[in-house]
C-alpha atoms as a PDB file:
ATOM      1  CA  MET A   1       0.000   0.000   0.000  1.00  0.00           C
ATOM      2  CA  LYS A   2       1.554   3.253  -1.140  1.00  0.00           C
ATOM      3  CA  ASN A   3       2.744   5.625   1.615  1.00  0.00           C
ATOM      4  CA  CYS A   4       1.238   3.445   4.360  1.00  0.00           C
ATOM      5  CA  GLU A   5       1.667   5.066   7.795  1.00  0.00           C
ATOM      6  CA  ILE A   6       0.381   2.234   9.992  1.00  0.00           C
ATOM      7  CA  VAL A   7      -0.889  -1.342   9.683  1.00  0.00           C
ATOM      8  CA  THR A   8      -4.154  -2.106  11.480  1.00  0.00           C
ATOM      9  CA  ILE A   9      -5.273  -5.555  12.624  1.00  0.00           C
ATOM     10  CA  LEU A  10      -8.888  -5.836  13.739  1.00  0.00           C
ATOM     11  CA  GLY A  11     -11.550  -8.476  14.196  1.00  0.00           C
ATOM     12  CA  PRO A  12     -14.123  -9.741  16.673  1.00  0.00           C
ATOM     13  CA  THR A  13     -13.184 -11.145  20.049  1.00  0.00           C
ATOM     14  CA  ALA A  14     -11.529 -14.601  19.945  1.00  0.00           C
ATOM     15  CA  SER A  15     -10.406 -14.184  16.308  1.00  0.00           C
ATOM     16  CA  GLY A  16      -6.686 -14.396  17.165  1.00  0.00           C
ATOM     17  CA  LYS A  17      -5.784 -10.739  16.572  1.00  0.00           C
ATOM     18  CA  THR A  18      -3.034 -10.476  19.187  1.00  0.00           C
ATOM     19  CA  ALA A  19      -1.013 -13.520  18.127  1.00  0.00           C
ATOM     20  CA  PHE A  20      -1.183 -12.481  14.479  1.00  0.00           C
ATOM     21  CA  ALA A  21      -0.302  -8.836  15.200  1.00  0.00           C
ATOM     22  CA  ALA A  22       2.703  -9.939  17.274  1.00  0.00           C
ATOM     23  CA  ALA A  23       3.954 -12.278  14.543  1.00  0.00           C
ATOM     24  CA  LEU A  24       3.545  -9.524  11.948  1.00  0.00           C
ATOM     25  CA  ALA A  25       5.314  -6.985  14.175  1.00  0.00           C
ATOM     26  CA  ASP A  26       8.200  -9.427  14.571  1.00  0.00           C
ATOM     27  CA  ARG A  27       8.515  -9.768  10.788  1.00  0.00           C
ATOM     28  CA  LEU A  28       8.342  -5.978  10.315  1.00  0.00           C
ATOM     29  CA  ASP A  29      10.709  -5.318  13.254  1.00  0.00           C
ATOM     30  CA  THR A  30       8.194  -2.979  14.792  1.00  0.00           C
ATOM     31  CA  GLU A  31       5.918  -2.550  17.820  1.00  0.00           C
ATOM     32  CA  ILE A  32       2.206  -2.818  18.580  1.00  0.00           C
ATOM     33  CA  ILE A  33      -0.191  -0.110  19.752  1.00  0.00           C
ATOM     34  CA  SER A  34      -3.215  -1.624  21.481  1.00  0.00           C
ATOM     35  CA  ALA A  35      -6.745  -0.481  20.612  1.00  0.00           C
ATOM     36  CA  ASP A  36      -8.588  -2.181  23.461  1.00  0.00           C
ATOM     37  CA  SER A  37     -10.729  -0.044  25.754  1.00  0.00           C
ATOM     38  CA  ARG A  38     -10.317  -2.305  28.787  1.00  0.00           C
ATOM     39  CA  GLN A  39      -6.731  -3.538  28.535  1.00  0.00           C
ATOM     40  CA  VAL A  40      -5.601  -0.057  29.556  1.00  0.00           C
ATOM     41  CA  TYR A  41      -6.342  -0.966  33.198  1.00  0.00           C
ATOM     42  CA  ARG A  42      -3.714  -2.434  35.491  1.00  0.00           C
ATOM     43  CA  GLY A  43      -4.708  -5.546  37.426  1.00  0.00           C
ATOM     44  CA  MET A  44      -7.530  -6.368  35.019  1.00  0.00           C
ATOM     45  CA  ASP A  45      -5.631  -9.061  33.184  1.00  0.00           C
ATOM     46  CA  ILE A  46      -7.592 -12.291  32.818  1.00  0.00           C
ATOM     47  CA  GLY A  47     -10.972 -10.673  32.219  1.00  0.00           C
ATOM     48  CA  THR A  48      -9.625  -8.362  29.512  1.00  0.00           C
ATOM     49  CA  GLY A  49      -7.654 -11.126  27.807  1.00  0.00           C
ATOM     50  CA  LYS A  50      -4.115  -9.811  28.160  1.00  0.00           C
ATOM     51  CA  ASP A  51      -2.622 -12.969  26.710  1.00  0.00           C
ATOM     52  CA  ARG A  52       0.954 -11.925  27.339  1.00  0.00           C
ATOM     53  CA  ALA A  53       2.410 -15.141  25.941  1.00  0.00           C
ATOM     54  CA  ASP A  54       1.103 -14.091  22.512  1.00  0.00           C
ATOM     55  CA  TYR A  55       3.602 -11.224  22.480  1.00  0.00           C
ATOM     56  CA  THR A  56       6.591 -13.592  22.593  1.00  0.00           C
ATOM     57  CA  VAL A  57       7.640 -14.457  19.050  1.00  0.00           C
ATOM     58  CA  ASN A  58      10.798 -16.396  18.209  1.00  0.00           C
ATOM     59  CA  GLY A  59      12.014 -15.879  21.756  1.00  0.00           C
ATOM     60  CA  ARG A  60      11.560 -12.099  21.542  1.00  0.00           C
ATOM     61  CA  GLN A  61       9.039 -10.005  23.477  1.00  0.00           C
ATOM     62  CA  ILE A  62       7.195  -7.699  21.086  1.00  0.00           C
ATOM     63  CA  PRO A  63       6.552  -4.329  22.769  1.00  0.00           C
ATOM     64  CA  CYS A  64       2.872  -3.405  23.062  1.00  0.00           C
ATOM     65  CA  HIS A  65       1.875   0.125  24.036  1.00  0.00           C
ATOM     66  CA  LEU A  66      -1.242   1.489  25.793  1.00  0.00           C
ATOM     67  CA  ILE A  67      -1.751  -1.565  27.998  1.00  0.00           C
ATOM     68  CA  ASP A  68      -1.672  -1.172  31.806  1.00  0.00           C
ATOM     69  CA  ILE A  69      -1.652   2.629  31.781  1.00  0.00           C
ATOM     70  CA  CYS A  70      -4.585   3.323  34.155  1.00  0.00           C
ATOM     71  CA  ASP A  71      -5.654   2.346  37.639  1.00  0.00           C
ATOM     72  CA  PRO A  72      -8.748   0.139  37.885  1.00  0.00           C
ATOM     73  CA  GLY A  73     -11.791   2.082  39.007  1.00  0.00           C
ATOM     74  CA  THR A  74     -10.974   5.063  36.788  1.00  0.00           C
ATOM     75  CA  LYS A  75     -12.822   5.781  33.554  1.00  0.00           C
ATOM     76  CA  TYR A  76     -10.532   6.065  30.555  1.00  0.00           C
ATOM     77  CA  ASN A  77     -12.168   7.335  27.369  1.00  0.00           C
ATOM     78  CA  VAL A  78     -11.656   7.710  23.637  1.00  0.00           C
ATOM     79  CA  PHE A  79     -10.563  11.353  24.007  1.00  0.00           C
ATOM     80  CA  GLU A  80      -7.675  10.266  26.244  1.00  0.00           C
ATOM     81  CA  TYR A  81      -6.938   7.300  23.996  1.00  0.00           C
ATOM     82  CA  GLN A  82      -6.598   9.453  20.896  1.00  0.00           C
ATOM     83  CA  HIS A  83      -4.046  11.690  22.612  1.00  0.00           C
ATOM     84  CA  ASP A  84      -2.113   8.746  24.068  1.00  0.00           C
ATOM     85  CA  PHE A  85      -2.139   6.964  20.727  1.00  0.00           C
ATOM     86  CA  PHE A  86      -0.669   9.827  18.753  1.00  0.00           C
ATOM     87  CA  ARG A  87       2.018  10.418  21.385  1.00  0.00           C
ATOM     88  CA  VAL A  88       3.186   6.785  21.013  1.00  0.00           C
ATOM     89  CA  TYR A  89       2.631   6.749  17.256  1.00  0.00           C
ATOM     90  CA  ARG A  90       4.885   9.768  16.711  1.00  0.00           C
ATOM     91  CA  GLN A  91       7.608   8.280  18.890  1.00  0.00           C
ATOM     92  CA  LEU A  92       7.584   5.068  16.864  1.00  0.00           C
ATOM     93  CA  ARG A  93       7.613   6.895  13.541  1.00  0.00           C
ATOM     94  CA  GLU A  94      10.527   9.034  14.684  1.00  0.00           C
ATOM     95  CA  ARG A  95      12.408   5.780  15.331  1.00  0.00           C
ATOM     96  CA  GLY A  96      11.651   4.612  11.791  1.00  0.00           C
ATOM     97  CA  LYS A  97       9.011   2.041  12.792  1.00  0.00           C
ATOM     98  CA  LEU A  98       5.805   1.192  10.929  1.00  0.00           C
ATOM     99  CA  PRO A  99       3.451   0.654  13.904  1.00  0.00           C
ATOM    100  CA  VAL A 100       0.895  -2.140  14.087  1.00  0.00           C
ATOM    101  CA  LEU A 101      -2.427  -1.057  15.593  1.00  0.00           C
ATOM    102  CA  CYS A 102      -4.297  -4.027  17.048  1.00  0.00           C
ATOM    103  CA  GLY A 103      -7.632  -4.275  18.821  1.00  0.00           C
ATOM    104  CA  GLY A 104     -11.329  -4.871  18.774  1.00  0.00           C
ATOM    105  CA  THR A 105     -12.605  -1.513  20.056  1.00  0.00           C
ATOM    106  CA  GLY A 106     -13.907  -0.128  16.785  1.00  0.00           C
ATOM    107  CA  LEU A 107     -14.355   3.430  18.017  1.00  0.00           C
ATOM    108  CA  TYR A 108     -10.731   3.623  19.178  1.00  0.00           C
ATOM    109  CA  VAL A 109      -9.489   2.312  15.829  1.00  0.00           C
ATOM    110  CA  GLU A 110     -11.687   4.628  13.807  1.00  0.00           C
ATOM    111  CA  ALA A 111     -10.977   7.673  15.976  1.00  0.00           C
ATOM    112  CA  VAL A 112      -7.256   7.504  15.201  1.00  0.00           C
ATOM    113  CA  LEU A 113      -7.430   6.328  11.584  1.00  0.00           C
ATOM    114  CA  ARG A 114      -9.909   9.031  10.601  1.00  0.00           C
ATOM    115  CA  GLY A 115      -8.580  11.714  12.954  1.00  0.00           C
ATOM    116  CA  TYR A 116     -11.904  12.540  14.576  1.00  0.00           C
ATOM    117  CA  HIS A 117     -12.293  15.684  16.620  1.00  0.00           C
ATOM    118  CA  LEU A 118     -13.112  14.430  20.127  1.00  0.00           C
ATOM    119  CA  PRO A 119     -13.842  17.056  22.803  1.00  0.00           C
ATOM    120  CA  ASP A 120     -13.042  16.453  26.462  1.00  0.00           C
ATOM    121  CA  VAL A 121     -16.650  16.158  27.622  1.00  0.00           C
ATOM    122  CA  PRO A 122     -17.407  17.275  31.209  1.00  0.00           C
ATOM    123  CA  LEU A 123     -19.927  15.601  33.519  1.00  0.00           C
ATOM    124  CA  ASN A 124     -23.536  16.696  33.111  1.00  0.00           C
ATOM    125  CA  LEU A 125     -25.148  15.915  36.468  1.00  0.00           C
ATOM    126  CA  ILE A 126     -28.587  17.218  35.475  1.00  0.00           C
ATOM    127  CA  LEU A 127     -28.655  14.990  32.392  1.00  0.00           C
ATOM    128  CA  ARG A 128     -27.417  12.008  34.397  1.00  0.00           C
ATOM    129  CA  GLU A 129     -30.148  12.486  36.984  1.00  0.00           C
ATOM    130  CA  SER A 130     -32.803  12.600  34.267  1.00  0.00           C
ATOM    131  CA  LEU A 131     -31.561   9.282  32.830  1.00  0.00           C
ATOM    132  CA  GLU A 132     -30.742   7.311  35.959  1.00  0.00           C
ATOM    133  CA  ASN A 133     -34.093   5.479  36.185  1.00  0.00           C
ATOM    134  CA  LYS A 134     -34.225   4.413  32.541  1.00  0.00           C
ATOM    135  CA  SER A 135     -33.529   0.830  31.474  1.00  0.00           C
ATOM    136  CA  LEU A 136     -30.536  -0.127  29.355  1.00  0.00           C
ATOM    137  CA  GLU A 137     -32.791  -0.675  26.338  1.00  0.00           C
ATOM    138  CA  GLU A 138     -34.366   2.764  26.765  1.00  0.00           C
ATOM    139  CA  LEU A 139     -30.897   4.332  27.003  1.00  0.00           C
ATOM    140  CA  LYS A 140     -29.781   2.530  23.842  1.00  0.00           C
ATOM    141  CA  GLU A 141     -32.810   3.906  22.002  1.00  0.00           C
ATOM    142  CA  ILE A 142     -31.893   7.430  23.093  1.00  0.00           C
ATOM    143  CA  LEU A 143     -28.289   6.908  21.988  1.00  0.00           C
ATOM    144  CA  ALA A 144     -29.435   5.623  18.600  1.00  0.00           C
ATOM    145  CA  SER A 145     -31.291   8.894  17.993  1.00  0.00           C
ATOM    146  CA  TYR A 146     -27.996  10.792  17.692  1.00  0.00           C
ATOM    147  CA  LYS A 147     -26.455  10.862  14.245  1.00  0.00           C
ATOM    148  CA  THR A 148     -22.849  11.286  15.316  1.00  0.00           C
ATOM    149  CA  LEU A 149     -20.325   8.512  15.928  1.00  0.00           C
ATOM    150  CA  HIS A 150     -20.329   6.489  19.105  1.00  0.00           C
ATOM    151  CA  ASN A 151     -19.248   2.934  19.823  1.00  0.00           C
ATOM    152  CA  ARG A 152     -22.487   1.090  20.478  1.00  0.00           C
ATOM    153  CA  SER A 153     -20.675  -2.279  20.470  1.00  0.00           C
ATOM    154  CA  ASP A 154     -19.356  -1.783  24.003  1.00  0.00           C
ATOM    155  CA  ILE A 155     -22.483  -0.444  25.747  1.00  0.00           C
ATOM    156  CA  ASP A 156     -23.756  -3.183  28.054  1.00  0.00           C
ATOM    157  CA  THR A 157     -24.334  -1.326  31.326  1.00  0.00           C
ATOM    158  CA  PRO A 158     -26.608   1.680  32.037  1.00  0.00           C
ATOM    159  CA  ARG A 159     -23.665   3.770  33.301  1.00  0.00           C
ATOM    160  CA  ARG A 160     -21.755   3.306  30.054  1.00  0.00           C
ATOM    161  CA  ALA A 161     -24.866   4.145  28.039  1.00  0.00           C
ATOM    162  CA  ILE A 162     -25.498   7.284  30.092  1.00  0.00           C
ATOM    163  CA  ARG A 163     -21.917   8.424  29.546  1.00  0.00           C
ATOM    164  CA  ALA A 164     -22.328   7.829  25.810  1.00  0.00           C
ATOM    165  CA  ILE A 165     -25.483   9.958  25.756  1.00  0.00           C
ATOM    166  CA  GLU A 166     -23.678  12.621  27.783  1.00  0.00           C
ATOM    167  CA  ILE A 167     -20.951  12.775  25.126  1.00  0.00           C
ATOM    168  CA  GLU A 168     -23.406  12.916  22.233  1.00  0.00           C
ATOM    169  CA  GLU A 169     -25.486  15.623  23.927  1.00  0.00           C
ATOM    170  CA  TYR A 170     -22.377  17.739  24.490  1.00  0.00           C
ATOM    171  CA  ARG A 171     -21.288  17.345  20.877  1.00  0.00           C
ATOM    172  CA  ALA A 172     -24.766  18.244  19.627  1.00  0.00           C
ATOM    173  CA  ARG A 173     -24.695  21.533  21.554  1.00  0.00           C
ATOM    174  CA  HIS A 174     -21.137  22.672  20.902  1.00  0.00           C
ATOM    175  CA  ALA A 175     -19.581  23.803  17.657  1.00  0.00           C
ATOM    176  CA  THR A 176     -17.030  21.454  16.139  1.00  0.00           C
ATOM    177  CA  GLU A 177     -13.506  22.771  16.438  1.00  0.00           C
ATOM    178  CA  GLN A 178     -10.698  22.050  14.008  1.00  0.00           C
ATOM    179  CA  ASN A 179      -9.340  18.524  14.287  1.00  0.00           C
ATOM    180  CA  GLU A 180      -6.178  18.270  16.328  1.00  0.00           C
ATOM    181  CA  TYR A 181      -5.086  15.138  14.457  1.00  0.00           C
ATOM    182  CA  GLY A 182      -5.274  14.281  10.792  1.00  0.00           C
ATOM    183  CA  PRO A 183      -6.297  10.920   9.315  1.00  0.00           C
ATOM    184  CA  LEU A 184      -3.743   8.137   8.842  1.00  0.00           C
ATOM    185  CA  ARG A 185      -3.108   6.088   5.717  1.00  0.00           C
ATOM    186  CA  SER A 186      -3.456   2.519   6.926  1.00  0.00           C
ATOM    187  CA  LEU A 187      -3.550  -0.958   5.506  1.00  0.00           C
ATOM    188  CA  VAL A 188      -6.436  -2.456   7.487  1.00  0.00           C
ATOM    189  CA  ILE A 189      -6.533  -6.236   7.867  1.00  0.00           C
ATOM    190  CA  GLY A 190      -9.638  -7.876   9.335  1.00  0.00           C
ATOM    191  CA  LEU A 191      -9.603 -11.430  10.654  1.00  0.00           C
ATOM    192  CA  ASP A 192     -12.691 -13.151   9.336  1.00  0.00           C
ATOM    193  CA  ILE A 193     -13.856 -16.039  11.504  1.00  0.00           C
ATOM    194  CA  LYS A 194     -16.905 -18.189  10.841  1.00  0.00           C
ATOM    195  CA  ARG A 195     -19.754 -17.671  13.275  1.00  0.00           C
ATOM    196  CA  GLU A 196     -19.753 -21.218  14.672  1.00  0.00           C
ATOM    197  CA  GLN A 197     -15.993 -21.260  15.072  1.00  0.00           C
ATOM    198  CA  ARG A 198     -16.144 -17.887  16.814  1.00  0.00           C
ATOM    199  CA  ARG A 199     -18.824 -19.122  19.202  1.00  0.00           C
ATOM    200  CA  GLU A 200     -16.802 -22.245  19.982  1.00  0.00           C
ATOM    201  CA  ARG A 201     -13.657 -20.214  20.668  1.00  0.00           C
ATOM    202  CA  ILE A 202     -15.531 -17.776  22.891  1.00  0.00           C
ATOM    203  CA  SER A 203     -16.965 -20.608  24.973  1.00  0.00           C
ATOM    204  CA  GLN A 204     -13.638 -22.409  25.288  1.00  0.00           C
ATOM    205  CA  ARG A 205     -11.831 -19.208  26.210  1.00  0.00           C
ATOM    206  CA  LEU A 206     -14.402 -18.261  28.833  1.00  0.00           C
ATOM    207  CA  HIS A 207     -14.072 -21.580  30.663  1.00  0.00           C
ATOM    208  CA  SER A 208     -10.283 -21.425  30.357  1.00  0.00           C
ATOM    209  CA  ARG A 209     -10.194 -17.974  31.938  1.00  0.00           C
ATOM    210  CA  LEU A 210     -12.489 -19.050  34.734  1.00  0.00           C
ATOM    211  CA  ALA A 211     -10.055 -21.880  35.444  1.00  0.00           C
ATOM    212  CA  GLN A 212      -7.148 -19.408  35.385  1.00  0.00           C
ATOM    213  CA  GLY A 213      -8.680 -17.418  38.255  1.00  0.00           C
ATOM    214  CA  MET A 214     -10.906 -14.777  36.685  1.00  0.00           C
ATOM    215  CA  VAL A 215     -13.275 -14.830  39.685  1.00  0.00           C
ATOM    216  CA  GLU A 216     -10.341 -14.382  42.061  1.00  0.00           C
ATOM    217  CA  GLU A 217      -9.160 -11.431  39.989  1.00  0.00           C
ATOM    218  CA  VAL A 218     -12.475  -9.655  40.581  1.00  0.00           C
ATOM    219  CA  ARG A 219     -12.343 -10.508  44.276  1.00  0.00           C
ATOM    220  CA  ARG A 220      -8.889  -8.882  44.464  1.00  0.00           C
ATOM    221  CA  LEU A 221     -10.193  -5.744  42.768  1.00  0.00           C
ATOM    222  CA  LEU A 222     -13.065  -5.513  45.244  1.00  0.00           C
ATOM    223  CA  ALA A 223     -10.730  -6.181  48.175  1.00  0.00           C
ATOM    224  CA  SER A 224      -8.511  -3.313  47.019  1.00  0.00           C
ATOM    225  CA  GLY A 225     -11.369  -0.918  47.740  1.00  0.00           C
ATOM    226  CA  ILE A 226     -12.921  -0.482  44.302  1.00  0.00           C
ATOM    227  CA  LYS A 227     -16.703  -0.201  44.516  1.00  0.00           C
ATOM    228  CA  PRO A 228     -18.747  -2.970  42.858  1.00  0.00           C
ATOM    229  CA  GLU A 229     -20.562  -0.460  40.633  1.00  0.00           C
ATOM    230  CA  ASP A 230     -17.218   0.834  39.357  1.00  0.00           C
ATOM    231  CA  ILE A 231     -16.173  -2.666  38.283  1.00  0.00           C
ATOM    232  CA  ILE A 232     -19.608  -3.416  36.807  1.00  0.00           C
ATOM    233  CA  TYR A 233     -19.142  -0.252  34.702  1.00  0.00           C
ATOM    234  CA  TYR A 234     -16.480  -2.061  32.619  1.00  0.00           C
ATOM    235  CA  GLY A 235     -19.093  -4.522  31.365  1.00  0.00           C
ATOM    236  CA  LEU A 236     -18.862  -8.077  30.053  1.00  0.00           C
ATOM    237  CA  GLU A 237     -16.707 -10.282  32.296  1.00  0.00           C
ATOM    238  CA  TYR A 238     -16.390  -7.661  35.018  1.00  0.00           C
ATOM    239  CA  LYS A 239     -20.117  -6.975  35.119  1.00  0.00           C
ATOM    240  CA  TYR A 240     -21.219 -10.585  35.509  1.00  0.00           C
ATOM    241  CA  LEU A 241     -18.327 -11.740  37.688  1.00  0.00           C
ATOM    242  CA  THR A 242     -18.943  -8.871  40.098  1.00  0.00           C
ATOM    243  CA  LEU A 243     -22.653  -9.678  40.264  1.00  0.00           C
ATOM    244  CA  TYR A 244     -21.671 -13.253  41.133  1.00  0.00           C
ATOM    245  CA  VAL A 245     -19.095 -12.275  43.762  1.00  0.00           C
ATOM    246  CA  ILE A 246     -21.503  -9.911  45.556  1.00  0.00           C
ATOM    247  CA  GLY A 247     -24.193 -12.603  45.556  1.00  0.00           C
ATOM    248  CA  ARG A 248     -26.617 -11.279  42.972  1.00  0.00           C
ATOM    249  CA  LEU A 249     -26.083 -14.179  40.552  1.00  0.00           C
ATOM    250  CA  GLY A 250     -25.406 -17.869  41.058  1.00  0.00           C
ATOM    251  CA  PHE A 251     -22.310 -19.356  39.413  1.00  0.00           C
ATOM    252  CA  GLU A 252     -24.059 -21.270  36.615  1.00  0.00           C
ATOM    253  CA  GLU A 253     -26.391 -18.324  35.985  1.00  0.00           C
ATOM    254  CA  MET A 254     -23.382 -16.002  35.786  1.00  0.00           C
ATOM    255  CA  VAL A 255     -21.533 -18.228  33.305  1.00  0.00           C
ATOM    256  CA  SER A 256     -24.597 -18.629  31.094  1.00  0.00           C
ATOM    257  CA  GLN A 257     -25.430 -14.912  31.005  1.00  0.00           C
ATOM    258  CA  LEU A 258     -21.800 -13.919  30.463  1.00  0.00           C
ATOM    259  CA  GLU A 259     -21.337 -16.366  27.604  1.00  0.00           C
ATOM    260  CA  THR A 260     -24.439 -14.969  25.887  1.00  0.00           C
ATOM    261  CA  ALA A 261     -23.243 -11.392  26.445  1.00  0.00           C
ATOM    262  CA  ILE A 262     -19.848 -12.112  24.867  1.00  0.00           C
ATOM    263  CA  HIS A 263     -21.483 -13.687  21.810  1.00  0.00           C
ATOM    264  CA  GLN A 264     -23.700 -10.607  21.456  1.00  0.00           C
ATOM    265  CA  PHE A 265     -20.677  -8.335  21.876  1.00  0.00           C
ATOM    266  CA  ALA A 266     -18.838 -10.117  19.036  1.00  0.00           C
ATOM    267  CA  LYS A 267     -21.850  -9.576  16.770  1.00  0.00           C
ATOM    268  CA  ARG A 268     -21.886  -5.867  17.638  1.00  0.00           C
ATOM    269  CA  GLN A 269     -18.174  -5.652  16.870  1.00  0.00           C
ATOM    270  CA  MET A 270     -18.770  -7.050  13.382  1.00  0.00           C
ATOM    271  CA  THR A 271     -21.621  -4.589  12.864  1.00  0.00           C
ATOM    272  CA  TRP A 272     -19.248  -1.752  13.750  1.00  0.00           C
ATOM    273  CA  PHE A 273     -16.538  -3.029  11.381  1.00  0.00           C
ATOM    274  CA  ARG A 274     -19.035  -3.275   8.520  1.00  0.00           C
ATOM    275  CA  GLY A 275     -20.011   0.315   9.306  1.00  0.00           C
ATOM    276  CA  MET A 276     -16.367   1.352   9.036  1.00  0.00           C
ATOM    277  CA  ALA A 277     -16.345   0.081   5.464  1.00  0.00           C
ATOM    278  CA  ARG A 278     -19.374   2.272   4.704  1.00  0.00           C
ATOM    279  CA  ARG A 279     -17.451   5.194   6.234  1.00  0.00           C
ATOM    280  CA  ASP A 280     -14.651   4.826   3.672  1.00  0.00           C
ATOM    281  CA  ILE A 281     -12.240   2.614   5.614  1.00  0.00           C
ATOM    282  CA  SER A 282     -11.272  -0.259   3.338  1.00  0.00           C
ATOM    283  CA  ILE A 283     -10.842  -3.539   5.253  1.00  0.00           C
ATOM    284  CA  HIS A 284      -9.028  -6.496   3.668  1.00  0.00           C
ATOM    285  CA  TRP A 285     -10.553  -9.586   5.261  1.00  0.00           C
ATOM    286  CA  ILE A 286      -8.341 -12.641   5.792  1.00  0.00           C
ATOM    287  CA  ASN A 287      -9.528 -16.053   6.950  1.00  0.00           C
ATOM    288  CA  ALA A 288      -8.670 -16.264  10.667  1.00  0.00           C
ATOM    289  CA  ALA A 289      -8.136 -20.024  10.316  1.00  0.00           C
ATOM    290  CA  MET A 290      -5.305 -19.500   7.813  1.00  0.00           C
ATOM    291  CA  PRO A 291      -1.832 -20.394   9.191  1.00  0.00           C
ATOM    292  CA  VAL A 292      -0.034 -17.397  10.680  1.00  0.00           C
ATOM    293  CA  GLU A 293       2.739 -17.476   8.086  1.00  0.00           C
ATOM    294  CA  GLU A 294       0.204 -17.356   5.257  1.00  0.00           C
ATOM    295  CA  LYS A 295      -1.577 -14.428   6.899  1.00  0.00           C
ATOM    296  CA  ILE A 296       1.736 -12.590   7.176  1.00  0.00           C
ATOM    297  CA  GLU A 297       2.607 -13.226   3.520  1.00  0.00           C
ATOM    298  CA  ARG A 298      -0.843 -12.041   2.459  1.00  0.00           C
ATOM    299  CA  THR A 299      -0.445  -8.871   4.516  1.00  0.00           C
ATOM    300  CA  LEU A 300       3.041  -8.175   3.183  1.00  0.00           C
ATOM    301  CA  SER A 301       1.755  -8.654  -0.362  1.00  0.00           C
ATOM    302  CA  LEU A 302      -0.964  -6.059   0.233  1.00  0.00           C
ATOM    303  CA  LEU A 303       1.514  -3.763   1.961  1.00  0.00           C
ATOM    304  CA  ASN A 304       3.918  -3.872  -0.993  1.00  0.00           C
ATOM    305  CA  SER A 305       1.299  -3.678  -3.733  1.00  0.00           C
END
């Protein structure tokens, strides 16, 4: 790809993005920038899928940036991510590297590739109070009424939905300023995984992570003084595991509901990626089941074409 400034690897959860991105970064002698909205938090390792072994390729640890940069309990956002991304991106480019952006948070990927203007949105307590008694489905309907960009794939708790509405309401009432960052020319590779294979991988990975101590990880977070509602805010694993630990769900009920939620999340991710294509981001889809070496050769061929 002519004048490519970054290579992007995306795909739904359990598609094997990290292992492929690390192998590609090893071949390109470069480093990875994560685009995962939850892996930014320290101590949230098993639930967010920080599969650190995937970053070791041919005996070498591939550096990955924007992981473990925040304390759990805080609320990192896309505005902060965009600024952190471009700080790391410029450092890598100054060192002559072609960075590899890897992750499944579509809004984070799109925000940096398209250079969106993202204001630092303050809290709106009046708005929050007016929304606090609405159901998650009602909040999603409100969010869908806005025409601007927001990541609806990662909205599975009322607090996250309220924050999303808060952002959209602010943007609707304030004039758009000039973008601080310009768009990036990127070769975008998507890992295409068949639905049944994806479902099987999600289920296997969930039970593996439970065996690795995912429940104990949440117990440690709670014991450190983080409020249950602040962990539930992160959604998916942390929502359902916390509800189990505090006694609001039984174990089997928790596993069943969480597994369903992850499957639904993967579907929303794919919906977002298809939307990216309609918003003029060309994605080259590669079969996720293809051997890693073949995926690398395919990517290099596209990169050099």
